[in-house]
Amino acid sequence: MACFTANPNKSFTLYYNLLEYFRVIMTNHPSLNRVTQGDIFSIDIDEYPTYPIGNIMVTNTAFNDKNTVFTCQLTVADKVKLRNNESVGERNEDTIAFYGTDDLVDIHSNTLNILNDLIAYTQLSPTTDAFEISTVINCVPFRDNFDNGLAGWVATFDLVTHNNRDRCLYNLLGDC
């Protein structure tokens, strides 16, 4: 795993560095099998993807005096599967109390725990002092929002990083 504080000259205001940070921590999480970035509608485009999937998408960016604020969405999703309830007949019509006929409750539990790990690491780990989460973290569950049988959680939060914007590096006026 890369150490994000070893290079004090690394700018986490750069979009690439932010994406790389989340790629690394999601790739190293033992419960995630695939990591993607970008539009949530394109995370499940492989013919036989492996699950669970972690995705990072930056939906907004704001420059303040000395920092950059990224609005991030972390999504963790898994494929919903039918449970073997040993029901009689052609259809799986019997239900297990509370759980139903599929593993949706398990998926929501597991994917929320994975999100908690990723966010807690970003907030609390001594190796990631380049970021600060400055808002309440809103997590919203979903199921079949994307016509692909996936369920999970989307966490939305603002991530703040230092941005030394004292002056521009280039002479943009030219030789006027």
Foldseek 3Di string as FASTA:
>chain_A
DDQPPPDVPDFPVDPVNVVVVLVVVQVPDPQADEEEEDDPLCQPPDPDDDDFYKYKYFDDWDDDQWKIKTKMKIWTKDAKDFDPPVDDDDDPPDADPPCGGINQVVQAVVQVVVVVVSVCCCDPPPSNPQKHFDDDWDKDWDACPNVPRMTYIMIITMIMGTDNPPDDPDDPVPPD
